[in-house]
C-alpha cells in the first residue's frame, strides 16, 4: 500500500489528519481551492505537507480523505474531478450538518434517515470507492486516540470490499479497531452518531470521547 494520503479540505479536520498521517510516515497533500489559505496551512502543518488544489489532491494519491463541510461535499467532489477520482478510495469524513443551531444540544441534519450524505456522493460519482470513516469522532482523536490502552471503534461502510480492507489497515495503523457496517446504506446509521457524539460537547464542553462496540 502506498504511503501517500490526499486530503480534500483544509479546516480543523483536514489539518489534524494531515499532521497525523505525516507523523505516521505518509507523504501528504492537503487541498484547498483558496490560494489565500496557503500560508495558514503551511504554518499549521509546519511546512511538512504539500498544498494543492482539490484537483491536485485527486491526482496525488490513490487514497483520499474528504474533510469538508457537509454542505460543500458534493461541490468538492465535482471540483476535484469525478473522472480523476475514478477507482480511487475516498474516505468520507463528512456529516450532513444543517445550518440551523442545535436544539438543547442536538444538531440538525439536512438529510433524512432514509438517505445518507455518502449515498448522495456515491450516486454523484458511481466509480469512486467511497468509505464512510472518521465521521463519528472529533478531529483531536482521529489519529492515535488515547484511552488508557482501550481502542475505540471506528464504524465504516461502503460498497467496495477491497477499499474497506485498505481502510481497516489504515485505521489499525493509527490506533483504531474497526467495525464494518456493510454497504453504503450503512452510512445512514453511522452519520447520526455525530449528533450523539456532539451532545456532551455542546451541553457540557466535553469533546474527548469516542464510541466502542462491546461484545
N, C-alpha and C. Protein backbone atom coordinates (compact mmCIF):
# COMPACT_ATOMS: atom_id res chain seq x y z
N UNK A 1 0.83 -1.20 0.00
CA UNK A 1 0.00 0.00 0.00
C UNK A 1 0.87 1.25 0.00
N UNK A 2 0.56 2.15 -0.88
CA UNK A 2 1.34 3.38 -1.00
C UNK A 2 1.18 4.23 0.25
N UNK A 3 2.28 4.78 0.73
CA UNK A 3 2.22 5.63 1.93
C UNK A 3 2.02 7.08 1.50
N UNK A 4 0.95 7.32 0.79
CA UNK A 4 0.56 8.69 0.46
C UNK A 4 -0.87 8.89 0.90
N UNK A 5 -1.21 10.12 1.24
CA UNK A 5 -2.58 10.44 1.63
C UNK A 5 -2.94 11.82 1.11
N UNK A 6 -4.03 11.89 0.39
CA UNK A 6 -4.55 13.16 -0.07
C UNK A 6 -5.73 13.58 0.78
N UNK A 7 -5.82 14.86 1.09
CA UNK A 7 -6.90 15.36 1.93
C UNK A 7 -7.57 16.53 1.24
N UNK A 8 -8.85 16.39 0.97
CA UNK A 8 -9.64 17.46 0.38
C UNK A 8 -10.31 18.23 1.51
N UNK A 9 -9.83 19.44 1.75
CA UNK A 9 -10.35 20.25 2.85
C UNK A 9 -9.24 20.66 3.79
N UNK A 10 -9.23 21.93 4.15
CA UNK A 10 -8.12 22.46 4.96
C UNK A 10 -8.59 23.11 6.25
N UNK A 11 -9.77 22.70 6.73
CA UNK A 11 -10.24 23.18 8.02
C UNK A 11 -9.57 22.42 9.16
N UNK A 12 -10.16 22.47 10.34
CA UNK A 12 -9.56 21.82 11.50
C UNK A 12 -9.40 20.32 11.30
N UNK A 13 -10.40 19.69 10.69
CA UNK A 13 -10.32 18.25 10.47
C UNK A 13 -9.21 17.92 9.48
N UNK A 14 -9.16 18.64 8.37
CA UNK A 14 -8.13 18.39 7.37
C UNK A 14 -6.73 18.60 7.92
N UNK A 15 -6.54 19.66 8.70
CA UNK A 15 -5.22 19.94 9.29
C UNK A 15 -4.82 18.83 10.26
N UNK A 16 -5.76 18.41 11.12
CA UNK A 16 -5.45 17.36 12.09
C UNK A 16 -5.07 16.06 11.40
N UNK A 17 -5.80 15.72 10.35
CA UNK A 17 -5.50 14.49 9.62
C UNK A 17 -4.16 14.60 8.88
N UNK A 18 -3.90 15.75 8.30
CA UNK A 18 -2.63 15.95 7.59
C UNK A 18 -1.45 15.78 8.54
N UNK A 19 -1.53 16.43 9.68
CA UNK A 19 -0.43 16.32 10.65
C UNK A 19 -0.30 14.89 11.18
N UNK A 20 -1.43 14.24 11.42
CA UNK A 20 -1.40 12.89 11.96
C UNK A 20 -0.81 11.88 10.99
N UNK A 21 -1.22 11.95 9.75
CA UNK A 21 -0.68 11.00 8.77
C UNK A 21 0.78 11.29 8.45
N UNK A 22 1.16 12.55 8.47
CA UNK A 22 2.59 12.87 8.31
C UNK A 22 3.40 12.24 9.43
N UNK A 23 2.89 12.29 10.64
CA UNK A 23 3.58 11.69 11.78
C UNK A 23 3.75 10.18 11.59
N UNK A 24 2.84 9.57 10.87
CA UNK A 24 2.91 8.13 10.62
C UNK A 24 3.70 7.79 9.36
N UNK A 25 4.39 8.77 8.81
CA UNK A 25 5.29 8.50 7.70
C UNK A 25 4.68 8.61 6.32
N UNK A 26 3.49 9.16 6.24
CA UNK A 26 2.85 9.34 4.94
C UNK A 26 3.32 10.63 4.28
N UNK A 27 3.41 10.60 2.97
CA UNK A 27 3.53 11.83 2.20
C UNK A 27 2.12 12.36 2.00
N UNK A 28 1.89 13.58 2.44
CA UNK A 28 0.53 14.13 2.49
C UNK A 28 0.41 15.36 1.60
N UNK A 29 -0.69 15.41 0.86
CA UNK A 29 -1.08 16.64 0.18
C UNK A 29 -2.44 17.07 0.72
N UNK A 30 -2.54 18.31 1.13
CA UNK A 30 -3.80 18.86 1.60
C UNK A 30 -4.33 19.84 0.57
N UNK A 31 -5.62 19.76 0.30
CA UNK A 31 -6.19 20.55 -0.78
C UNK A 31 -7.06 21.70 -0.32
N UNK A 32 -6.88 22.82 -0.97
CA UNK A 32 -7.77 23.97 -0.82
C UNK A 32 -7.89 24.64 -2.17
N UNK A 33 -9.04 25.21 -2.43
CA UNK A 33 -9.21 25.97 -3.67
C UNK A 33 -9.07 27.47 -3.43
N UNK A 34 -8.60 27.82 -2.24
CA UNK A 34 -8.40 29.23 -1.88
C UNK A 34 -6.91 29.48 -1.66
N UNK A 35 -6.22 30.07 -2.65
CA UNK A 35 -4.77 30.32 -2.52
C UNK A 35 -4.40 31.16 -1.31
N UNK A 36 -5.33 31.97 -0.82
CA UNK A 36 -5.03 32.82 0.33
C UNK A 36 -4.85 32.01 1.61
N UNK A 37 -5.26 30.75 1.60
CA UNK A 37 -5.13 29.91 2.78
C UNK A 37 -3.78 29.19 2.85
N UNK A 38 -2.99 29.28 1.79
CA UNK A 38 -1.75 28.50 1.74
C UNK A 38 -0.81 28.82 2.90
N UNK A 39 -0.65 30.09 3.22
CA UNK A 39 0.28 30.46 4.29
C UNK A 39 -0.20 29.95 5.64
N UNK A 40 -1.51 30.00 5.87
CA UNK A 40 -2.06 29.50 7.13
C UNK A 40 -1.88 27.99 7.23
N UNK A 41 -2.14 27.28 6.14
CA UNK A 41 -1.97 25.83 6.14
C UNK A 41 -0.51 25.46 6.40
N UNK A 42 0.39 26.17 5.74
CA UNK A 42 1.82 25.90 5.92
C UNK A 42 2.22 26.09 7.37
N UNK A 43 1.69 27.13 7.99
CA UNK A 43 2.01 27.41 9.40
C UNK A 43 1.47 26.30 10.31
N UNK A 44 0.24 25.86 10.07
CA UNK A 44 -0.41 24.88 10.94
C UNK A 44 0.12 23.46 10.72
N UNK A 45 0.79 23.25 9.61
CA UNK A 45 1.38 21.92 9.35
C UNK A 45 2.90 21.95 9.41
N UNK A 46 3.45 23.05 9.87
CA UNK A 46 4.91 23.21 10.00
C UNK A 46 5.63 22.99 8.67
N UNK A 47 4.93 23.23 7.58
CA UNK A 47 5.54 23.07 6.27
C UNK A 47 5.83 21.63 5.89
N UNK A 48 5.22 20.68 6.62
CA UNK A 48 5.54 19.26 6.40
C UNK A 48 4.71 18.60 5.31
N UNK A 49 3.67 19.27 4.83
CA UNK A 49 2.82 18.67 3.82
C UNK A 49 2.79 19.54 2.57
N UNK A 50 2.45 18.92 1.46
CA UNK A 50 2.30 19.65 0.20
C UNK A 50 0.90 20.24 0.14
N UNK A 51 0.79 21.41 -0.44
CA UNK A 51 -0.50 22.08 -0.58
C UNK A 51 -0.86 22.16 -2.06
N UNK A 52 -2.09 21.85 -2.38
CA UNK A 52 -2.53 21.92 -3.76
C UNK A 52 -4.01 22.23 -3.84
N UNK A 53 -4.54 22.20 -5.04
CA UNK A 53 -5.97 22.36 -5.25
C UNK A 53 -6.67 21.02 -5.03
N UNK A 54 -7.99 21.03 -5.02
CA UNK A 54 -8.72 19.78 -4.89
C UNK A 54 -8.36 18.83 -6.03
N UNK A 55 -8.23 19.36 -7.23
CA UNK A 55 -7.88 18.51 -8.38
C UNK A 55 -6.45 17.98 -8.26
N UNK A 56 -5.55 18.76 -7.68
CA UNK A 56 -4.19 18.27 -7.43
C UNK A 56 -4.23 17.07 -6.49
N UNK A 57 -5.04 17.17 -5.45
CA UNK A 57 -5.15 16.08 -4.48
C UNK A 57 -5.68 14.82 -5.15
N UNK A 58 -6.66 14.99 -6.02
CA UNK A 58 -7.25 13.84 -6.71
C UNK A 58 -6.21 13.06 -7.51
N UNK A 59 -5.21 13.75 -8.00
CA UNK A 59 -4.16 13.11 -8.80
C UNK A 59 -2.95 12.68 -7.97
N UNK A 60 -2.94 13.02 -6.69
CA UNK A 60 -1.76 12.80 -5.84
C UNK A 60 -1.71 11.40 -5.25
N UNK A 61 -2.86 10.88 -4.84
CA UNK A 61 -2.88 9.63 -4.08
C UNK A 61 -4.04 8.75 -4.50
N UNK A 62 -3.90 7.45 -4.25
CA UNK A 62 -5.00 6.51 -4.50
C UNK A 62 -5.96 6.44 -3.32
N UNK A 63 -5.56 7.02 -2.19
CA UNK A 63 -6.43 7.10 -1.02
C UNK A 63 -6.57 8.56 -0.64
N UNK A 64 -7.79 9.01 -0.54
CA UNK A 64 -8.08 10.43 -0.31
C UNK A 64 -9.12 10.54 0.80
N UNK A 65 -8.97 11.53 1.65
CA UNK A 65 -9.98 11.80 2.68
C UNK A 65 -10.75 13.05 2.30
N UNK A 66 -12.07 12.94 2.31
CA UNK A 66 -12.93 14.10 2.08
C UNK A 66 -13.26 14.71 3.43
N UNK A 67 -12.72 15.91 3.69
CA UNK A 67 -12.83 16.53 5.01
C UNK A 67 -13.30 17.98 4.87
N UNK A 68 -14.45 18.14 4.24
CA UNK A 68 -15.04 19.47 4.07
C UNK A 68 -16.36 19.52 4.82
N UNK A 69 -16.93 20.71 4.92
CA UNK A 69 -18.26 20.86 5.48
C UNK A 69 -19.25 20.03 4.66
N UNK A 70 -20.18 19.39 5.34
CA UNK A 70 -21.10 18.51 4.64
C UNK A 70 -21.83 19.16 3.49
N UNK A 71 -22.23 20.40 3.68
CA UNK A 71 -22.97 21.11 2.64
C UNK A 71 -22.11 21.40 1.42
N UNK A 72 -20.79 21.29 1.56
CA UNK A 72 -19.87 21.54 0.45
C UNK A 72 -19.32 20.26 -0.16
N UNK A 73 -19.78 19.11 0.32
CA UNK A 73 -19.17 17.83 -0.07
C UNK A 73 -19.35 17.52 -1.56
N UNK A 74 -20.56 17.68 -2.06
CA UNK A 74 -20.80 17.35 -3.47
C UNK A 74 -20.02 18.28 -4.39
N UNK A 75 -20.00 19.55 -4.05
CA UNK A 75 -19.24 20.52 -4.85
C UNK A 75 -17.75 20.19 -4.82
N UNK A 76 -17.25 19.76 -3.66
CA UNK A 76 -15.83 19.43 -3.53
C UNK A 76 -15.46 18.24 -4.42
N UNK A 77 -16.32 17.23 -4.46
CA UNK A 77 -16.06 16.08 -5.32
C UNK A 77 -16.05 16.50 -6.78
N UNK A 78 -16.97 17.34 -7.16
CA UNK A 78 -17.01 17.82 -8.54
C UNK A 78 -15.78 18.66 -8.86
N UNK A 79 -15.34 19.47 -7.91
CA UNK A 79 -14.16 20.31 -8.12
C UNK A 79 -12.90 19.46 -8.24
N UNK A 80 -12.81 18.42 -7.43
CA UNK A 80 -11.64 17.53 -7.50
C UNK A 80 -11.60 16.80 -8.84
N UNK A 81 -12.77 16.52 -9.38
CA UNK A 81 -12.84 15.85 -10.67
C UNK A 81 -13.32 14.42 -10.54
N UNK A 82 -14.56 14.18 -10.94
CA UNK A 82 -15.12 12.83 -10.81
C UNK A 82 -14.31 11.82 -11.61
N UNK A 83 -13.86 12.19 -12.79
CA UNK A 83 -13.04 11.27 -13.58
C UNK A 83 -11.69 11.00 -12.93
N UNK A 84 -11.10 12.04 -12.34
CA UNK A 84 -9.80 11.89 -11.67
C UNK A 84 -9.90 10.98 -10.45
N UNK A 85 -11.07 10.97 -9.81
CA UNK A 85 -11.27 10.16 -8.61
C UNK A 85 -11.74 8.74 -8.92
N UNK A 86 -11.98 8.45 -10.17
CA UNK A 86 -12.49 7.14 -10.57
C UNK A 86 -11.57 6.02 -10.07
N UNK A 87 -12.17 5.03 -9.42
CA UNK A 87 -11.48 3.84 -8.89
C UNK A 87 -10.57 4.14 -7.71
N UNK A 88 -10.59 5.36 -7.20
CA UNK A 88 -9.80 5.69 -6.02
C UNK A 88 -10.65 5.54 -4.75
N UNK A 89 -9.97 5.33 -3.64
CA UNK A 89 -10.65 5.21 -2.35
C UNK A 89 -10.81 6.60 -1.77
N UNK A 90 -12.04 6.97 -1.45
CA UNK A 90 -12.30 8.25 -0.80
C UNK A 90 -12.94 7.98 0.55
N UNK A 91 -12.20 8.27 1.61
CA UNK A 91 -12.72 8.13 2.97
C UNK A 91 -13.56 9.36 3.27
N UNK A 92 -14.84 9.14 3.47
CA UNK A 92 -15.78 10.24 3.63
C UNK A 92 -15.95 10.58 5.10
N UNK A 93 -15.32 11.68 5.51
CA UNK A 93 -15.38 12.12 6.91
C UNK A 93 -16.46 13.16 7.15
N UNK A 94 -17.30 13.41 6.15
CA UNK A 94 -18.27 14.49 6.26
C UNK A 94 -19.52 14.06 7.01
N UNK A 95 -20.25 15.05 7.50
CA UNK A 95 -21.57 14.85 8.09
C UNK A 95 -22.53 15.90 7.54
N UNK A 96 -23.79 15.54 7.32
CA UNK A 96 -24.75 16.47 6.73
C UNK A 96 -25.36 17.42 7.75
N UNK A 97 -24.52 18.19 8.41
CA UNK A 97 -24.99 19.09 9.46
C UNK A 97 -25.63 20.32 8.84
N UNK A 98 -26.85 20.61 9.25
CA UNK A 98 -27.58 21.76 8.73
C UNK A 98 -27.09 23.04 9.38
N UNK A 99 -27.44 24.16 8.78
CA UNK A 99 -27.01 25.46 9.31
C UNK A 99 -27.77 25.86 10.57
N UNK A 100 -28.90 25.24 10.83
CA UNK A 100 -29.71 25.60 12.00
C UNK A 100 -28.94 25.34 13.29
N UNK A 101 -29.11 26.18 14.30
CA UNK A 101 -28.41 25.97 15.57
C UNK A 101 -28.92 24.72 16.28
N UNK A 102 -28.10 24.13 17.16
CA UNK A 102 -28.54 22.95 17.91
C UNK A 102 -29.74 23.28 18.80
N UNK A 103 -30.59 22.30 19.01
CA UNK A 103 -31.73 22.43 19.92
C UNK A 103 -31.44 21.58 21.14
N UNK A 104 -31.20 22.22 22.28
CA UNK A 104 -30.84 21.51 23.51
C UNK A 104 -29.68 20.53 23.28
N UNK A 105 -28.72 20.99 22.50
CA UNK A 105 -27.52 20.20 22.25
C UNK A 105 -27.60 19.25 21.08
N UNK A 106 -28.74 19.21 20.41
CA UNK A 106 -28.95 18.25 19.33
C UNK A 106 -28.85 18.95 17.98
N UNK A 107 -27.90 18.51 17.16
CA UNK A 107 -27.73 19.08 15.82
C UNK A 107 -28.84 18.64 14.88
N UNK A 108 -29.05 19.41 13.83
CA UNK A 108 -29.97 19.04 12.76
C UNK A 108 -29.18 18.62 11.53
N UNK A 109 -29.71 17.67 10.78
CA UNK A 109 -29.14 17.22 9.51
C UNK A 109 -30.00 17.70 8.36
N UNK A 110 -29.39 17.85 7.19
CA UNK A 110 -30.16 18.20 6.00
C UNK A 110 -30.52 16.95 5.18
N UNK A 111 -30.22 15.78 5.72
CA UNK A 111 -30.66 14.52 5.11
C UNK A 111 -31.68 13.86 6.03
N UNK A 112 -32.30 12.78 5.55
CA UNK A 112 -33.23 12.01 6.37
C UNK A 112 -32.59 10.68 6.73
N UNK A 113 -33.28 9.90 7.56
CA UNK A 113 -32.78 8.58 7.92
C UNK A 113 -32.86 7.59 6.76
N UNK A 114 -33.50 8.01 5.68
CA UNK A 114 -33.61 7.15 4.50
C UNK A 114 -32.56 7.45 3.44
N UNK A 115 -31.67 8.40 3.73
CA UNK A 115 -30.62 8.74 2.76
C UNK A 115 -29.46 9.40 3.50
N UNK A 116 -28.27 8.84 3.32
CA UNK A 116 -27.08 9.45 3.92
C UNK A 116 -26.41 10.38 2.92
N UNK A 117 -25.57 11.25 3.45
CA UNK A 117 -24.78 12.11 2.58
C UNK A 117 -23.84 11.28 1.72
N UNK A 118 -23.28 10.22 2.29
CA UNK A 118 -22.36 9.42 1.49
C UNK A 118 -23.06 8.76 0.31
N UNK A 119 -24.30 8.36 0.50
CA UNK A 119 -25.05 7.80 -0.62
C UNK A 119 -25.24 8.83 -1.73
N UNK A 120 -25.46 10.07 -1.36
CA UNK A 120 -25.55 11.13 -2.37
C UNK A 120 -24.24 11.23 -3.14
N UNK A 121 -23.13 11.17 -2.41
CA UNK A 121 -21.82 11.25 -3.06
C UNK A 121 -21.59 10.05 -3.97
N UNK A 122 -21.99 8.87 -3.49
CA UNK A 122 -21.81 7.66 -4.30
C UNK A 122 -22.64 7.72 -5.58
N UNK A 123 -23.84 8.27 -5.49
CA UNK A 123 -24.68 8.43 -6.68
C UNK A 123 -24.10 9.47 -7.63
N UNK A 124 -23.47 10.49 -7.06
CA UNK A 124 -22.85 11.53 -7.87
C UNK A 124 -21.65 10.99 -8.63
N UNK A 125 -20.89 10.12 -7.97
CA UNK A 125 -19.64 9.59 -8.55
C UNK A 125 -19.62 8.07 -8.37
N UNK A 126 -20.35 7.34 -9.21
CA UNK A 126 -20.53 5.89 -9.01
C UNK A 126 -19.24 5.07 -9.07
N UNK A 127 -18.22 5.56 -9.76
CA UNK A 127 -16.98 4.80 -9.92
C UNK A 127 -15.96 5.08 -8.82
N UNK A 128 -16.30 5.97 -7.91
CA UNK A 128 -15.42 6.28 -6.79
C UNK A 128 -15.71 5.29 -5.66
N UNK A 129 -14.67 4.82 -4.99
CA UNK A 129 -14.83 3.84 -3.92
C UNK A 129 -14.95 4.57 -2.57
N UNK A 130 -16.14 5.04 -2.28
CA UNK A 130 -16.37 5.77 -1.04
C UNK A 130 -16.44 4.81 0.15
N UNK A 131 -15.83 5.22 1.26
CA UNK A 131 -15.93 4.50 2.52
C UNK A 131 -16.23 5.53 3.61
N UNK A 132 -17.34 5.36 4.31
CA UNK A 132 -17.64 6.25 5.42
C UNK A 132 -16.63 6.01 6.53
N UNK A 133 -16.02 7.08 7.04
CA UNK A 133 -14.93 6.93 8.00
C UNK A 133 -14.64 8.27 8.66
N UNK A 134 -14.23 8.25 9.91
CA UNK A 134 -13.84 9.45 10.66
C UNK A 134 -15.01 10.39 10.98
N UNK A 135 -16.24 9.98 10.74
CA UNK A 135 -17.36 10.91 10.89
C UNK A 135 -18.00 10.90 12.27
N UNK A 136 -17.59 9.97 13.14
CA UNK A 136 -18.26 9.85 14.45
C UNK A 136 -17.30 10.13 15.60
N UNK A 137 -16.30 10.98 15.35
CA UNK A 137 -15.37 11.37 16.41
C UNK A 137 -14.77 12.72 16.04
N UNK A 138 -14.30 13.46 17.05
CA UNK A 138 -13.71 14.77 16.79
C UNK A 138 -12.30 14.68 16.26
N UNK A 139 -11.85 15.77 15.64
CA UNK A 139 -10.55 15.74 14.97
C UNK A 139 -9.38 15.51 15.93
N UNK A 140 -9.54 15.87 17.20
CA UNK A 140 -8.45 15.69 18.16
C UNK A 140 -8.16 14.22 18.45
N UNK A 141 -9.12 13.35 18.12
CA UNK A 141 -8.98 11.93 18.42
C UNK A 141 -8.91 11.05 17.18
N UNK A 142 -8.86 11.65 16.01
CA UNK A 142 -8.89 10.85 14.78
C UNK A 142 -7.63 10.02 14.58
N UNK A 143 -6.50 10.53 15.02
CA UNK A 143 -5.23 9.83 14.87
C UNK A 143 -4.68 9.50 16.25
N UNK A 144 -4.35 8.22 16.47
CA UNK A 144 -3.77 7.76 17.74
C UNK A 144 -4.61 8.16 18.95
N UNK A 145 -5.89 7.78 18.98
CA UNK A 145 -6.72 8.09 20.15
C UNK A 145 -6.18 7.37 21.38
N UNK A 146 -6.13 8.06 22.50
CA UNK A 146 -5.54 7.51 23.73
C UNK A 146 -6.60 7.42 24.82
N UNK A 147 -7.04 6.20 25.10
CA UNK A 147 -8.00 5.96 26.17
C UNK A 147 -7.44 4.91 27.14
N UNK A 148 -6.20 5.12 27.52
CA UNK A 148 -5.57 4.24 28.50
C UNK A 148 -5.42 2.80 28.04
N UNK A 149 -5.12 2.62 26.77
CA UNK A 149 -4.91 1.28 26.24
C UNK A 149 -6.14 0.64 25.64
N UNK A 150 -7.29 1.27 25.79
CA UNK A 150 -8.53 0.76 25.21
C UNK A 150 -8.73 1.40 23.84
N UNK A 151 -8.85 0.57 22.81
CA UNK A 151 -9.02 1.10 21.46
C UNK A 151 -10.50 1.40 21.20
N UNK A 152 -10.81 2.60 20.75
CA UNK A 152 -12.19 2.91 20.38
C UNK A 152 -12.54 2.27 19.03
N UNK A 153 -13.81 2.30 18.69
CA UNK A 153 -14.30 1.68 17.47
C UNK A 153 -14.62 2.73 16.41
N UNK A 154 -14.08 2.52 15.22
CA UNK A 154 -14.46 3.34 14.07
C UNK A 154 -15.43 2.53 13.22
N UNK A 155 -16.59 3.09 13.00
CA UNK A 155 -17.59 2.44 12.16
C UNK A 155 -17.41 2.88 10.72
N UNK A 156 -17.37 1.91 9.81
CA UNK A 156 -17.20 2.23 8.39
C UNK A 156 -18.31 1.56 7.58
N UNK A 157 -18.53 2.07 6.38
CA UNK A 157 -19.48 1.47 5.45
C UNK A 157 -19.07 1.85 4.04
N UNK A 158 -19.38 0.98 3.09
CA UNK A 158 -19.05 1.27 1.70
C UNK A 158 -19.32 0.06 0.82
N UNK A 159 -19.41 0.27 -0.46
CA UNK A 159 -19.78 -0.79 -1.39
C UNK A 159 -18.61 -1.67 -1.83
N UNK A 160 -17.39 -1.16 -1.75
CA UNK A 160 -16.23 -1.89 -2.27
C UNK A 160 -15.48 -2.59 -1.14
N UNK A 161 -15.43 -3.91 -1.19
CA UNK A 161 -14.83 -4.69 -0.11
C UNK A 161 -13.32 -4.46 -0.01
N UNK A 162 -12.64 -4.38 -1.14
CA UNK A 162 -11.19 -4.14 -1.11
C UNK A 162 -10.87 -2.76 -0.54
N UNK A 163 -11.70 -1.78 -0.87
CA UNK A 163 -11.49 -0.44 -0.32
C UNK A 163 -11.66 -0.44 1.19
N UNK A 164 -12.63 -1.21 1.67
CA UNK A 164 -12.83 -1.28 3.13
C UNK A 164 -11.68 -2.03 3.80
N UNK A 165 -11.15 -3.05 3.14
CA UNK A 165 -9.99 -3.75 3.70
C UNK A 165 -8.81 -2.79 3.85
N UNK A 166 -8.56 -1.99 2.82
CA UNK A 166 -7.49 -0.99 2.89
C UNK A 166 -7.76 0.01 4.00
N UNK A 167 -9.01 0.43 4.14
CA UNK A 167 -9.39 1.37 5.19
C UNK A 167 -9.12 0.79 6.57
N UNK A 168 -9.47 -0.47 6.76
CA UNK A 168 -9.23 -1.12 8.05
C UNK A 168 -7.73 -1.18 8.36
N UNK A 169 -6.91 -1.46 7.35
CA UNK A 169 -5.46 -1.48 7.56
C UNK A 169 -4.95 -0.11 8.00
N UNK A 170 -5.46 0.94 7.37
CA UNK A 170 -5.05 2.30 7.74
C UNK A 170 -5.49 2.61 9.16
N UNK A 171 -6.73 2.28 9.49
CA UNK A 171 -7.26 2.58 10.83
C UNK A 171 -6.51 1.81 11.90
N UNK A 172 -6.14 0.57 11.62
CA UNK A 172 -5.36 -0.21 12.59
C UNK A 172 -4.02 0.46 12.85
N UNK A 173 -3.41 0.96 11.80
CA UNK A 173 -2.11 1.63 11.93
C UNK A 173 -2.19 2.86 12.82
N UNK A 174 -3.32 3.57 12.79
CA UNK A 174 -3.43 4.82 13.55
C UNK A 174 -4.23 4.66 14.84
N UNK A 175 -4.37 3.40 15.30
CA UNK A 175 -4.85 3.19 16.66
C UNK A 175 -6.32 2.86 16.85
N UNK A 176 -7.01 2.43 15.80
CA UNK A 176 -8.44 2.13 15.91
C UNK A 176 -8.71 0.65 15.72
N UNK A 177 -9.79 0.17 16.35
CA UNK A 177 -10.41 -1.06 15.90
C UNK A 177 -11.57 -0.64 14.99
N UNK A 178 -11.94 -1.50 14.07
CA UNK A 178 -12.91 -1.12 13.05
C UNK A 178 -14.07 -2.10 13.01
N UNK A 179 -15.27 -1.57 12.82
CA UNK A 179 -16.45 -2.39 12.59
C UNK A 179 -17.05 -2.01 11.25
N UNK A 180 -17.19 -3.00 10.39
CA UNK A 180 -17.74 -2.80 9.05
C UNK A 180 -19.26 -2.90 9.12
N UNK A 181 -19.93 -1.81 8.81
CA UNK A 181 -21.38 -1.75 8.86
C UNK A 181 -22.04 -1.97 7.50
N UNK A 182 -21.33 -2.65 6.60
CA UNK A 182 -21.95 -3.06 5.36
C UNK A 182 -21.80 -2.08 4.22
N UNK A 183 -22.77 -2.09 3.34
CA UNK A 183 -22.73 -1.29 2.12
C UNK A 183 -22.99 0.19 2.42
N UNK A 184 -23.09 0.98 1.36
CA UNK A 184 -23.23 2.43 1.52
C UNK A 184 -24.43 2.81 2.38
N UNK A 185 -25.48 1.99 2.34
CA UNK A 185 -26.66 2.30 3.15
C UNK A 185 -26.35 2.33 4.64
N UNK A 186 -25.28 1.63 5.05
CA UNK A 186 -24.88 1.65 6.45
C UNK A 186 -24.53 3.03 6.95
N UNK A 187 -24.17 3.92 6.03
CA UNK A 187 -23.85 5.30 6.42
C UNK A 187 -25.06 6.02 6.99
N UNK A 188 -26.27 5.53 6.68
CA UNK A 188 -27.48 6.12 7.26
C UNK A 188 -27.48 5.99 8.78
N UNK A 189 -26.85 4.93 9.29
CA UNK A 189 -26.76 4.72 10.73
C UNK A 189 -25.51 5.36 11.32
N UNK A 190 -24.44 5.41 10.54
CA UNK A 190 -23.17 5.95 11.05
C UNK A 190 -23.21 7.47 11.18
N UNK A 191 -23.72 8.15 10.17
CA UNK A 191 -23.70 9.62 10.20
C UNK A 191 -24.41 10.21 11.41
N UNK A 192 -25.57 9.69 11.83
CA UNK A 192 -26.22 10.26 13.01
C UNK A 192 -25.45 10.08 14.32
N UNK A 193 -24.46 9.18 14.34
CA UNK A 193 -23.62 9.08 15.54
C UNK A 193 -22.93 10.41 15.84
N UNK A 194 -22.72 11.21 14.81
CA UNK A 194 -22.16 12.55 15.00
C UNK A 194 -23.03 13.38 15.93
N UNK A 195 -24.35 13.27 15.76
CA UNK A 195 -25.28 14.03 16.60
C UNK A 195 -25.11 13.61 18.06
N UNK A 196 -25.07 12.29 18.28
CA UNK A 196 -24.90 11.77 19.64
C UNK A 196 -23.55 12.17 20.22
N UNK A 197 -22.49 12.05 19.40
CA UNK A 197 -21.15 12.38 19.87
C UNK A 197 -21.05 13.84 20.29
N UNK A 198 -21.74 14.72 19.61
CA UNK A 198 -21.62 16.16 19.86
C UNK A 198 -22.40 16.65 21.08
N UNK A 199 -23.40 15.90 21.53
CA UNK A 199 -24.25 16.39 22.63
C UNK A 199 -23.44 16.73 23.89
N UNK A 200 -22.56 15.85 24.39
CA UNK A 200 -21.79 16.22 25.59
C UNK A 200 -20.92 17.46 25.37
N UNK A 201 -20.43 17.63 24.15
CA UNK A 201 -19.61 18.80 23.85
C UNK A 201 -20.41 20.08 23.86
N UNK A 202 -21.56 20.05 23.20
CA UNK A 202 -22.39 21.25 23.12
C UNK A 202 -22.96 21.62 24.49
N UNK A 203 -23.40 20.62 25.26
CA UNK A 203 -24.04 20.90 26.55
C UNK A 203 -23.05 21.14 27.67
N UNK A 204 -21.92 20.40 27.67
CA UNK A 204 -21.02 20.44 28.83
C UNK A 204 -19.57 20.73 28.47
N UNK A 205 -19.28 20.99 27.21
CA UNK A 205 -17.91 21.26 26.81
C UNK A 205 -17.01 20.05 26.85
N UNK A 206 -17.59 18.86 26.76
CA UNK A 206 -16.82 17.61 26.82
C UNK A 206 -16.70 17.02 25.42
N UNK A 207 -15.50 17.03 24.88
CA UNK A 207 -15.28 16.62 23.50
C UNK A 207 -14.32 15.44 23.35
N UNK A 208 -13.69 15.00 24.43
CA UNK A 208 -12.66 13.97 24.32
C UNK A 208 -13.23 12.59 24.65
N UNK A 209 -14.07 12.10 23.76
CA UNK A 209 -14.68 10.79 23.94
C UNK A 209 -14.87 10.14 22.57
N UNK A 210 -15.11 8.84 22.59
CA UNK A 210 -15.32 8.08 21.35
C UNK A 210 -16.21 6.90 21.66
N UNK A 211 -16.70 6.25 20.62
CA UNK A 211 -17.57 5.09 20.77
C UNK A 211 -16.76 3.79 20.75
N UNK A 212 -17.32 2.77 21.42
CA UNK A 212 -16.74 1.43 21.35
C UNK A 212 -17.87 0.41 21.30
N UNK A 213 -17.76 -0.52 20.37
CA UNK A 213 -18.72 -1.61 20.27
C UNK A 213 -18.24 -2.76 21.13
N UNK A 214 -19.05 -3.16 22.11
CA UNK A 214 -18.69 -4.24 23.02
C UNK A 214 -19.46 -5.50 22.65
N UNK A 215 -18.80 -6.64 22.86
CA UNK A 215 -19.44 -7.94 22.61
C UNK A 215 -19.37 -8.80 23.86
